[in-house]
């Protein structure tokens, strides 16, 4: 039974832990899939490469508002797809070779705990003084009658299809549905989105969610407040039957995409057999330093937190790396500000409290909303729908939350994230900083000055 000093489970953010400081240890990494994890192979990176292509097509079609008359030939799906994966796919083999060349054993079979700190990997059992569990998450497939007997895709598979479909029905109304709805609509597919709630992107600030839902309704068929009753195979595709507030509906499409959430991979690892405490959602429970209930076992990323964000997993990886090297000087994340963005059309970014959360918690707040159209660059864009929304504490003037919908939202929100992380007030960030004119950041400045 091989014994190691350090074993890392999962080659996404967990793969970032290794460095020359561990060179004197006997180390191994276990990854039954592809190095790089969800983000590189099935998530953030390839999806954004598709989004960039979708943005280009959409902007060309919309350029007439600027006096630029352009047309878009049918988008070449195979060229777009191959551009993405010809860059991504070779990275796996080079990553495996790099680890092996540096003395780290690589196991490429499925692994599961059979006892605390005893791991079954294929036909072999291994033990270690220290384990780091970073096995990520996977798409959640709901229990819908007929779904197990029809062809469907999830975010794991949809980007590798042979051609874009003439029609696509998407189950779910979260950020994955919003992004792929944008991609396939821009590429020419007839998109229908079926959402259980009354709006799309229900986790966003209500005002943002309402604005995005209204804009999405101009591009897609939206069926909201829907309860899916059954899915059936039909010639040339699938049929989805559902009940909505206005009655029963049936939708047929060439292809079905299921985007109804994600679940942690703790069950595949048999974390419970390894003595690891799990919460009600199947996430591994850790303390603030990412130690689990088993001494010597640490965990990070999607299998631990509910954010499902690569930048959060990367930050946790840096903390765990320090803690492995400095067990007498344990760190936690310096703050719990967890920003996110949705790379749809229009782009959305958010950090901190939404207005509905503030109301629900009884938090006092001031709120300011400024339209992109109030800025010179907003005029240049001819943007009539984007806005910046900021919430602040009326007493200490700290920024409680920020929400942006519109072009460059994920970039525009960064100074507000920094202010929240560093404890700067709305007044400091609004009055004591110069904002370039006529850049779009003036929308942020104006919202802060309003406060």
Protein backbone atom coordinates (compact mmCIF):
# COMPACT_ATOMS: atom_id res chain seq x y z
CA UNK A 1 0.00 0.00 0.00
CA UNK A 2 1.87 3.13 -1.20
CA UNK A 3 2.12 5.83 1.44
CA UNK A 4 2.52 9.52 0.62
CA UNK A 5 3.24 12.68 2.50
CA UNK A 6 0.64 14.59 0.46
CA UNK A 7 -2.15 13.46 -1.87
CA UNK A 8 -4.33 15.94 -3.74
CA UNK A 9 -7.70 14.77 -5.05
CA UNK A 10 -8.73 16.76 -8.10
CA UNK A 11 -6.58 18.61 -10.64
CA UNK A 12 -8.56 21.82 -10.92
CA UNK A 13 -7.67 24.44 -8.32
CA UNK A 14 -6.11 21.66 -6.26
CA UNK A 15 -3.38 21.32 -8.87
CA UNK A 16 -2.25 24.85 -7.99
CA UNK A 17 -1.10 23.70 -4.54
CA UNK A 18 2.13 22.10 -5.68
CA UNK A 19 5.32 24.16 -5.63
CA UNK A 20 9.01 23.79 -4.98
CA UNK A 21 8.35 23.98 -1.22
CA UNK A 22 6.84 20.48 -1.47
CA UNK A 23 9.69 19.03 -3.55
CA UNK A 24 11.14 17.10 -0.60
CA UNK A 25 7.83 15.31 0.02
CA UNK A 26 6.43 12.21 -1.63
CA UNK A 27 3.36 13.56 -3.42
CA UNK A 28 0.58 12.28 -5.65
CA UNK A 29 -2.41 13.76 -7.45
CA UNK A 30 -5.57 11.85 -8.35
CA UNK A 31 -7.61 13.00 -11.35
CA UNK A 32 -9.85 10.58 -13.28
CA UNK A 33 -10.86 13.28 -15.75
CA UNK A 34 -8.85 16.03 -17.38
CA UNK A 35 -6.35 18.26 -15.64
CA UNK A 36 -7.68 21.79 -15.25
CA UNK A 37 -11.02 20.68 -13.84
CA UNK A 38 -14.39 22.11 -14.79
CA UNK A 39 -13.14 25.65 -15.42
CA UNK A 40 -10.64 24.80 -18.13
CA UNK A 41 -12.41 21.90 -19.81
CA UNK A 42 -16.17 22.31 -19.38
CA UNK A 43 -16.81 25.68 -17.78
CA UNK A 44 -15.49 29.21 -17.48
CA UNK A 45 -12.78 29.27 -20.12
CA UNK A 46 -14.34 27.46 -23.09
CA UNK A 47 -17.76 29.00 -22.47
CA UNK A 48 -16.32 32.51 -22.50
CA UNK A 49 -14.52 31.76 -25.76
CA UNK A 50 -17.93 30.88 -27.22
CA UNK A 51 -19.40 34.03 -25.65
CA UNK A 52 -16.77 36.21 -27.34
CA UNK A 53 -17.81 34.77 -30.71
CA UNK A 54 -21.48 35.28 -29.85
CA UNK A 55 -20.80 38.88 -28.82
CA UNK A 56 -19.08 39.52 -32.15
CA UNK A 57 -22.07 38.21 -34.10
CA UNK A 58 -24.60 40.09 -32.00
CA UNK A 59 -22.69 43.38 -32.14
CA UNK A 60 -22.39 43.16 -35.91
CA UNK A 61 -26.15 42.69 -36.27
CA UNK A 62 -26.83 45.57 -33.88
CA UNK A 63 -24.33 47.97 -35.44
CA UNK A 64 -27.01 49.68 -37.56
CA UNK A 65 -27.93 51.79 -34.52
CA UNK A 66 -24.51 53.40 -34.96
CA UNK A 67 -24.89 53.89 -38.68
CA UNK A 68 -22.74 50.84 -39.45
CA UNK A 69 -24.65 48.43 -41.66
CA UNK A 70 -23.29 44.91 -41.38
CA UNK A 71 -24.56 41.42 -42.01
CA UNK A 72 -23.52 38.13 -40.44
CA UNK A 73 -23.18 35.03 -42.56
CA UNK A 74 -24.24 31.80 -40.83
CA UNK A 75 -21.86 31.25 -37.94
CA UNK A 76 -19.43 28.39 -38.57
CA UNK A 77 -19.98 26.36 -35.40
CA UNK A 78 -17.23 23.83 -36.14
CA UNK A 79 -14.65 26.57 -36.64
CA UNK A 80 -15.67 28.27 -33.40
CA UNK A 81 -15.68 24.97 -31.50
CA UNK A 82 -12.36 23.80 -32.89
CA UNK A 83 -10.71 27.13 -32.15
CA UNK A 84 -11.71 26.64 -28.51
CA UNK A 85 -10.73 23.04 -27.96
CA UNK A 86 -7.60 22.93 -30.10
CA UNK A 87 -6.17 25.37 -27.57
CA UNK A 88 -7.60 23.69 -24.49
CA UNK A 89 -7.31 19.95 -25.12
CA UNK A 90 -3.50 19.67 -25.44
CA UNK A 91 -3.07 21.23 -22.00
CA UNK A 92 -4.10 18.02 -20.21
CA UNK A 93 -1.25 15.86 -21.50
CA UNK A 94 1.32 18.59 -20.93
CA UNK A 95 0.08 19.07 -17.35
CA UNK A 96 0.30 15.35 -16.59
CA UNK A 97 3.80 15.15 -18.07
CA UNK A 98 4.88 18.21 -16.08
CA UNK A 99 3.77 16.71 -12.78
CA UNK A 100 5.39 13.35 -13.49
CA UNK A 101 8.62 14.98 -14.66
CA UNK A 102 8.73 16.78 -11.30
CA UNK A 103 8.42 13.61 -9.27
CA UNK A 104 4.68 13.65 -8.53
CA UNK A 105 2.76 10.42 -9.03
CA UNK A 106 -0.37 10.85 -11.14
CA UNK A 107 -3.35 8.51 -10.70
CA UNK A 108 -5.95 8.70 -13.47
CA UNK A 109 -8.59 6.29 -12.16
CA UNK A 110 -11.69 6.89 -10.06
CA UNK A 111 -10.98 7.19 -6.35
CA UNK A 112 -13.03 6.71 -3.21
CA UNK A 113 -12.35 6.61 0.48
CA UNK A 114 -12.67 3.20 2.14
CA UNK A 115 -11.65 4.50 5.57
CA UNK A 116 -10.30 7.76 7.00
CA UNK A 117 -7.14 8.64 5.04
CA UNK A 118 -7.30 5.37 3.07
CA UNK A 119 -8.09 5.81 -0.62
CA UNK A 120 -9.03 3.16 -3.18
CA UNK A 121 -7.77 4.25 -6.60
CA UNK A 122 -8.73 1.74 -9.25
CA UNK A 123 -7.29 -1.57 -8.03
CA UNK A 124 -4.81 0.06 -5.66
CA UNK A 125 -5.06 1.46 -2.15
CA UNK A 126 -2.99 4.42 -1.02
CA UNK A 127 -2.59 6.28 2.25
CA UNK A 128 -1.13 9.66 3.13
CA UNK A 129 -0.29 11.88 6.06
CA UNK A 130 -2.15 14.72 4.39
CA UNK A 131 -4.99 14.78 1.86
CA UNK A 132 -6.47 17.82 0.11
CA UNK A 133 -9.92 17.17 -1.37
CA UNK A 134 -10.74 19.42 -4.33
CA UNK A 135 -12.91 17.18 -6.48
CA UNK A 136 -15.33 19.90 -7.62
CA UNK A 137 -18.92 19.55 -8.72
CA UNK A 138 -21.00 18.38 -11.66
CA UNK A 139 -24.30 19.29 -13.36
CA UNK A 140 -27.41 18.33 -11.44
CA UNK A 141 -29.89 16.35 -13.52
CA UNK A 142 -33.45 16.68 -12.15
CA UNK A 143 -35.85 13.79 -11.74
CA UNK A 144 -38.23 14.50 -14.64
CA UNK A 145 -40.35 11.73 -16.15
CA UNK A 146 -38.82 10.62 -19.45
CA UNK A 147 -35.56 12.53 -19.10
CA UNK A 148 -33.59 9.31 -18.68
CA UNK A 149 -34.84 8.05 -22.06
CA UNK A 150 -34.18 11.09 -24.29
CA UNK A 151 -30.92 12.57 -25.54
CA UNK A 152 -29.99 15.74 -23.70
CA UNK A 153 -26.96 17.86 -22.96
CA UNK A 154 -25.56 19.61 -19.92
CA UNK A 155 -22.85 22.25 -19.71
CA UNK A 156 -20.36 19.34 -19.67
CA UNK A 157 -21.26 18.27 -23.21
CA UNK A 158 -23.05 21.08 -25.09
CA UNK A 159 -19.90 22.85 -26.25
CA UNK A 160 -18.57 19.78 -28.08
CA UNK A 161 -21.60 19.05 -30.28
CA UNK A 162 -21.12 18.63 -34.02
CA UNK A 163 -23.27 21.56 -35.10
CA UNK A 164 -25.44 24.25 -33.56
CA UNK A 165 -29.11 23.17 -33.50
CA UNK A 166 -31.87 24.90 -35.42
CA UNK A 167 -33.83 24.96 -32.16
CA UNK A 168 -32.84 24.53 -28.54
CA UNK A 169 -34.92 24.24 -25.39
CA UNK A 170 -33.15 25.06 -22.12
CA UNK A 171 -34.38 23.82 -18.75
CA UNK A 172 -33.36 26.30 -16.06
CA UNK A 173 -33.03 30.05 -15.71
CA UNK A 174 -29.71 30.57 -13.93
CA UNK A 175 -26.37 31.87 -15.16
CA UNK A 176 -25.50 28.81 -17.27
CA UNK A 177 -28.86 29.01 -19.04
CA UNK A 178 -28.40 32.76 -19.57
CA UNK A 179 -24.94 32.35 -21.07
CA UNK A 180 -25.77 29.46 -23.40
CA UNK A 181 -29.06 31.09 -24.36
CA UNK A 182 -27.00 34.07 -25.54
CA UNK A 183 -24.48 31.90 -27.40
CA UNK A 184 -26.95 29.77 -29.32
CA UNK A 185 -29.32 32.63 -30.07
CA UNK A 186 -26.43 34.68 -31.48
CA UNK A 187 -25.40 31.67 -33.57
CA UNK A 188 -28.88 31.44 -35.10
CA UNK A 189 -30.72 28.87 -32.96
CA UNK A 190 -34.36 29.37 -31.99
CA UNK A 191 -34.08 29.30 -28.17
CA UNK A 192 -36.79 28.54 -25.61
CA UNK A 193 -36.00 28.87 -21.90
CA UNK A 194 -38.17 27.07 -19.36
CA UNK A 195 -37.81 28.48 -15.84
CA UNK A 196 -39.47 27.36 -12.64
CA UNK A 197 -39.40 30.86 -11.10
CA UNK A 198 -41.14 34.05 -12.22
CA UNK A 199 -37.93 35.60 -13.63
CA UNK A 200 -34.55 34.61 -14.99
CA UNK A 201 -31.45 34.94 -12.80
CA UNK A 202 -33.48 34.87 -9.60
CA UNK A 203 -30.34 35.06 -7.43
CA UNK A 204 -29.48 38.51 -8.79
CA UNK A 205 -30.78 41.81 -7.46
CA UNK A 206 -34.49 42.01 -8.29
CA UNK A 207 -34.05 45.08 -10.44
CA UNK A 208 -31.30 43.39 -12.45
CA UNK A 209 -33.27 40.15 -12.74
CA UNK A 210 -36.36 42.00 -13.96
CA UNK A 211 -34.39 44.00 -16.52
CA UNK A 212 -32.58 40.92 -17.83
CA UNK A 213 -35.80 38.91 -18.06
CA UNK A 214 -37.45 41.66 -20.09
CA UNK A 215 -34.46 41.91 -22.44
CA UNK A 216 -34.18 38.12 -22.79
CA UNK A 217 -37.85 37.95 -23.76
CA UNK A 218 -36.99 39.96 -26.87
CA UNK A 219 -34.53 37.27 -28.00
CA UNK A 220 -35.97 34.01 -26.68
CA UNK A 221 -39.28 32.37 -25.96
CA UNK A 222 -39.59 32.41 -22.16
CA UNK A 223 -41.89 30.07 -20.26
CA UNK A 224 -41.81 31.23 -16.63
CA UNK A 225 -43.38 29.77 -13.52
CA UNK A 226 -43.18 26.43 -15.27
CA UNK A 227 -43.46 22.94 -13.81
CA UNK A 228 -42.12 20.36 -16.28
CA UNK A 229 -44.35 17.30 -16.40
CA UNK A 230 -42.54 15.10 -18.91
CA UNK A 231 -39.89 14.92 -21.61
CA UNK A 232 -40.34 12.69 -24.64
CA UNK A 233 -38.37 11.79 -27.74
CA UNK A 234 -39.86 13.04 -30.99
CA UNK A 235 -38.72 12.68 -34.61
CA UNK A 236 -35.92 15.16 -35.04
CA UNK A 237 -35.61 16.03 -31.36
CA UNK A 238 -37.43 16.21 -28.05
CA UNK A 239 -40.74 17.41 -26.66
CA UNK A 240 -41.17 19.04 -23.25
CA UNK A 241 -44.60 19.22 -21.59
CA UNK A 242 -45.19 21.64 -18.74
CA UNK A 243 -47.73 23.59 -16.74
CA UNK A 244 -47.40 27.37 -16.41
CA UNK A 245 -49.53 30.02 -14.75
CA UNK A 246 -51.40 30.55 -18.03
CA UNK A 247 -52.01 26.85 -18.64
CA UNK A 248 -50.32 23.84 -20.21
CA UNK A 249 -47.62 24.16 -22.86
CA UNK A 250 -45.75 21.79 -25.13
CA UNK A 251 -42.42 22.74 -26.70
CA UNK A 252 -40.54 20.81 -29.34
CA UNK A 253 -36.90 21.40 -30.24
CA UNK A 254 -34.03 19.73 -32.00
CA UNK A 255 -31.90 19.72 -28.85
CA UNK A 256 -32.40 19.83 -25.07
CA UNK A 257 -29.98 21.52 -22.64
CA UNK A 258 -30.43 20.89 -18.91
CA UNK A 259 -29.09 23.73 -16.71
CA UNK A 260 -30.78 23.18 -13.34
CA UNK A 261 -27.83 23.60 -10.99
CA UNK A 262 -24.76 21.71 -9.83
CA UNK A 263 -23.97 19.25 -7.06
CA UNK A 264 -20.70 18.54 -5.20
CA UNK A 265 -18.78 15.38 -6.10
CA UNK A 266 -18.45 14.23 -2.49
CA UNK A 267 -20.72 11.24 -3.17
CA UNK A 268 -18.46 9.92 -5.93
CA UNK A 269 -15.54 10.15 -3.52
CA UNK A 270 -17.55 8.38 -0.80
CA UNK A 271 -16.52 11.16 1.54
CA UNK A 272 -18.66 9.78 4.35
CA UNK A 273 -16.65 6.53 4.35
CA UNK A 274 -13.57 8.69 4.78
CA UNK A 275 -15.04 10.13 7.96
CA UNK A 276 -15.68 13.54 6.38
CA UNK A 277 -18.64 15.51 7.72
CA UNK A 278 -21.09 16.70 5.05
CA UNK A 279 -23.73 19.41 5.14
CA UNK A 280 -27.30 19.01 3.94
CA UNK A 281 -26.31 19.75 0.33
CA UNK A 282 -23.45 17.21 0.26
CA UNK A 283 -20.66 19.76 0.67
CA UNK A 284 -17.71 18.78 2.84
CA UNK A 285 -17.74 20.75 6.09
CA UNK A 286 -14.54 22.63 6.96
CA UNK A 287 -13.46 25.24 9.45
CA UNK A 288 -12.33 28.70 8.36
CA UNK A 289 -8.85 27.35 7.60
CA UNK A 290 -10.31 24.57 5.39
CA UNK A 291 -9.59 21.71 7.79
CA UNK A 292 -12.18 18.93 7.63
CA UNK A 293 -13.50 16.75 10.45
CA UNK A 294 -10.60 14.32 9.86
CA UNK A 295 -7.18 15.57 11.09
CA UNK A 296 -4.78 15.86 8.17
CA UNK A 297 -7.54 16.15 5.57
CA UNK A 298 -8.25 19.55 4.02
CA UNK A 299 -10.83 20.51 1.39
CA UNK A 300 -11.50 23.43 -0.94
CA UNK A 301 -13.46 24.59 -3.98
CA UNK A 302 -16.89 23.54 -5.22
CA UNK A 303 -16.94 20.44 -3.02
CA UNK A 304 -16.79 22.77 0.01
CA UNK A 305 -18.40 26.11 -0.78
CA UNK A 306 -21.74 27.05 -2.31
CA UNK A 307 -20.36 29.84 -4.49
CA UNK A 308 -19.36 27.61 -7.45
CA UNK A 309 -16.81 30.24 -8.48
CA UNK A 310 -13.34 29.54 -9.84
CA UNK A 311 -11.87 32.71 -8.33
CA UNK A 312 -13.13 31.62 -4.92
CA UNK A 313 -11.58 28.15 -5.33
CA UNK A 314 -8.29 29.73 -6.40
CA UNK A 315 -8.28 31.98 -3.32
CA UNK A 316 -9.01 28.98 -1.11
CA UNK A 317 -6.16 27.08 -2.78
CA UNK A 318 -3.73 29.85 -1.85
CA UNK A 319 -4.93 29.76 1.76
CA UNK A 320 -4.64 25.97 2.01
CA UNK A 321 -1.18 26.04 0.44
CA UNK A 322 0.01 28.48 3.11
CA UNK A 323 -1.61 26.41 5.87
CA UNK A 324 0.03 23.18 4.72
CA UNK A 325 3.41 24.89 4.85
CA UNK A 326 2.76 26.86 8.07
CA UNK A 327 0.61 24.71 10.38
CA UNK A 328 1.35 27.02 13.32
CA UNK A 329 0.25 30.14 11.44
CA UNK A 330 -3.06 29.23 9.87
CA UNK A 331 -4.77 31.70 7.56
CA UNK A 332 -8.36 32.17 6.55
CA UNK A 333 -9.69 34.09 3.56
CA UNK A 334 -9.04 37.75 4.25
CA UNK A 335 -12.65 38.58 3.42
CA UNK A 336 -15.84 36.89 2.32
CA UNK A 337 -16.64 39.35 -0.46
CA UNK A 338 -17.56 36.98 -3.28
CA UNK A 339 -18.21 38.81 -6.57
CA UNK A 340 -19.52 37.08 -9.65
CA UNK A 341 -20.41 37.86 -13.24
CA UNK A 342 -22.76 36.40 -15.83
CA UNK A 343 -21.31 36.60 -19.33
CA UNK A 344 -24.58 36.83 -21.17
CA UNK A 345 -26.08 39.71 -23.13
CA UNK A 346 -26.16 42.16 -21.53
CA UNK A 347 -23.33 41.28 -19.16
CA UNK A 348 -24.12 41.23 -15.43
CA UNK A 349 -21.89 41.57 -12.37
CA UNK A 350 -22.71 41.57 -8.69
CA UNK A 351 -21.12 41.70 -5.24
CA UNK A 352 -22.55 41.87 -1.74
CA UNK A 353 -26.13 42.40 -0.63
CA UNK A 354 -29.00 42.65 -3.07
CA UNK A 355 -31.78 45.06 -2.22
CA UNK A 356 -34.20 42.23 -1.48
CA UNK A 357 -31.67 40.61 0.88
CA UNK A 358 -31.20 43.90 2.71
CA UNK A 359 -34.98 44.24 3.15
CA UNK A 360 -35.34 40.63 4.29
CA UNK A 361 -32.56 40.97 6.87
CA UNK A 362 -33.77 44.33 8.11
CA UNK A 363 -30.51 46.03 7.10
CA UNK A 364 -30.70 49.81 6.77
CA UNK A 365 -29.43 51.02 3.42
CA UNK A 366 -29.23 53.85 0.95
CA UNK A 367 -29.53 52.97 -2.73
CA UNK A 368 -28.50 54.72 -5.93
CA UNK A 369 -29.17 53.67 -9.51
CA UNK A 370 -27.53 55.40 -12.48
CA UNK A 371 -28.15 54.51 -16.11
CA UNK A 372 -25.37 54.01 -18.60
CA UNK A 373 -27.31 56.53 -20.70
CA UNK A 374 -26.40 59.23 -18.16
CA UNK A 375 -22.73 59.07 -19.24
CA UNK A 376 -21.00 60.26 -22.38
CA UNK A 377 -19.78 56.76 -23.19
CA UNK A 378 -23.29 55.45 -22.70
CA UNK A 379 -24.34 57.91 -25.37
CA UNK A 380 -21.60 56.59 -27.65
CA UNK A 381 -22.85 53.05 -27.12
CA UNK A 382 -26.47 54.10 -27.66
CA UNK A 383 -27.16 52.02 -24.57
CA UNK A 384 -30.65 52.48 -23.13
CA UNK A 385 -30.92 49.50 -20.77
CA UNK A 386 -27.71 49.26 -18.69
CA UNK A 387 -27.40 50.61 -15.16
CA UNK A 388 -25.20 50.64 -12.06
CA UNK A 389 -26.80 50.08 -8.66
CA UNK A 390 -25.01 50.60 -5.35
CA UNK A 391 -26.23 50.02 -1.80
CA UNK A 392 -24.51 51.70 1.18
CA UNK A 393 -24.85 51.84 4.94
CA UNK A 394 -26.43 55.20 5.89
CA UNK A 395 -24.34 55.45 9.06
CA UNK A 396 -20.77 54.28 8.38
CA UNK A 397 -21.09 54.84 4.60
CA UNK A 398 -19.65 51.40 3.79
CA UNK A 399 -20.70 49.81 0.50
CA UNK A 400 -23.10 46.94 1.15
CA UNK A 401 -23.57 45.73 -2.41
CA UNK A 402 -23.20 46.62 -6.07
CA UNK A 403 -25.03 45.32 -9.14
CA UNK A 404 -24.39 46.19 -12.77
CA UNK A 405 -26.12 45.15 -15.97
CA UNK A 406 -24.73 46.30 -19.29
CA UNK A 407 -21.57 46.25 -21.43
CA UNK A 408 -18.31 45.63 -19.53
CA UNK A 409 -20.17 45.01 -16.25
CA UNK A 410 -17.61 42.47 -15.00
CA UNK A 411 -14.85 45.05 -15.40
CA UNK A 412 -16.79 48.08 -14.17
CA UNK A 413 -17.59 46.46 -10.84
CA UNK A 414 -13.96 45.89 -9.85
CA UNK A 415 -13.37 49.23 -8.03
CA UNK A 416 -16.50 48.55 -5.97
CA UNK A 417 -15.23 45.07 -5.08
CA UNK A 418 -11.93 46.62 -4.04
CA UNK A 419 -13.68 49.22 -1.91
CA UNK A 420 -15.73 46.57 -0.11
CA UNK A 421 -12.67 44.36 0.40
CA UNK A 422 -10.50 47.18 1.77
CA UNK A 423 -13.17 48.90 3.85
CA UNK A 424 -13.35 52.08 1.80
CA UNK A 425 -16.53 54.13 2.07
CA UNK A 426 -18.82 55.20 -0.74
CA UNK A 427 -17.64 58.77 -0.14
CA UNK A 428 -13.96 57.86 -0.44
CA UNK A 429 -14.42 55.92 -3.65
CA UNK A 430 -16.82 58.49 -5.09
CA UNK A 431 -15.18 61.79 -4.14
CA UNK A 432 -11.50 61.02 -3.58
CA UNK A 433 -10.84 59.20 -6.86
CA UNK A 434 -10.68 60.67 -10.35
CA UNK A 435 -12.68 58.81 -12.98
CA UNK A 436 -11.55 59.13 -16.58
CA UNK A 437 -13.89 61.10 -18.81
CA UNK A 438 -15.57 59.99 -21.00
CA UNK A 439 -15.05 56.37 -19.89
CA UNK A 440 -17.96 54.14 -18.91
CA UNK A 441 -16.65 54.10 -15.33
CA UNK A 442 -18.38 57.46 -14.91
CA UNK A 443 -21.60 55.48 -14.38
CA UNK A 444 -19.97 54.01 -11.24
CA UNK A 445 -18.78 57.46 -10.16
CA UNK A 446 -22.24 58.98 -10.60
CA UNK A 447 -23.91 56.22 -8.59
CA UNK A 448 -21.44 56.75 -5.74
CA UNK A 449 -21.84 60.54 -5.81
CA UNK A 450 -25.60 60.08 -5.65
CA UNK A 451 -25.16 58.28 -2.35
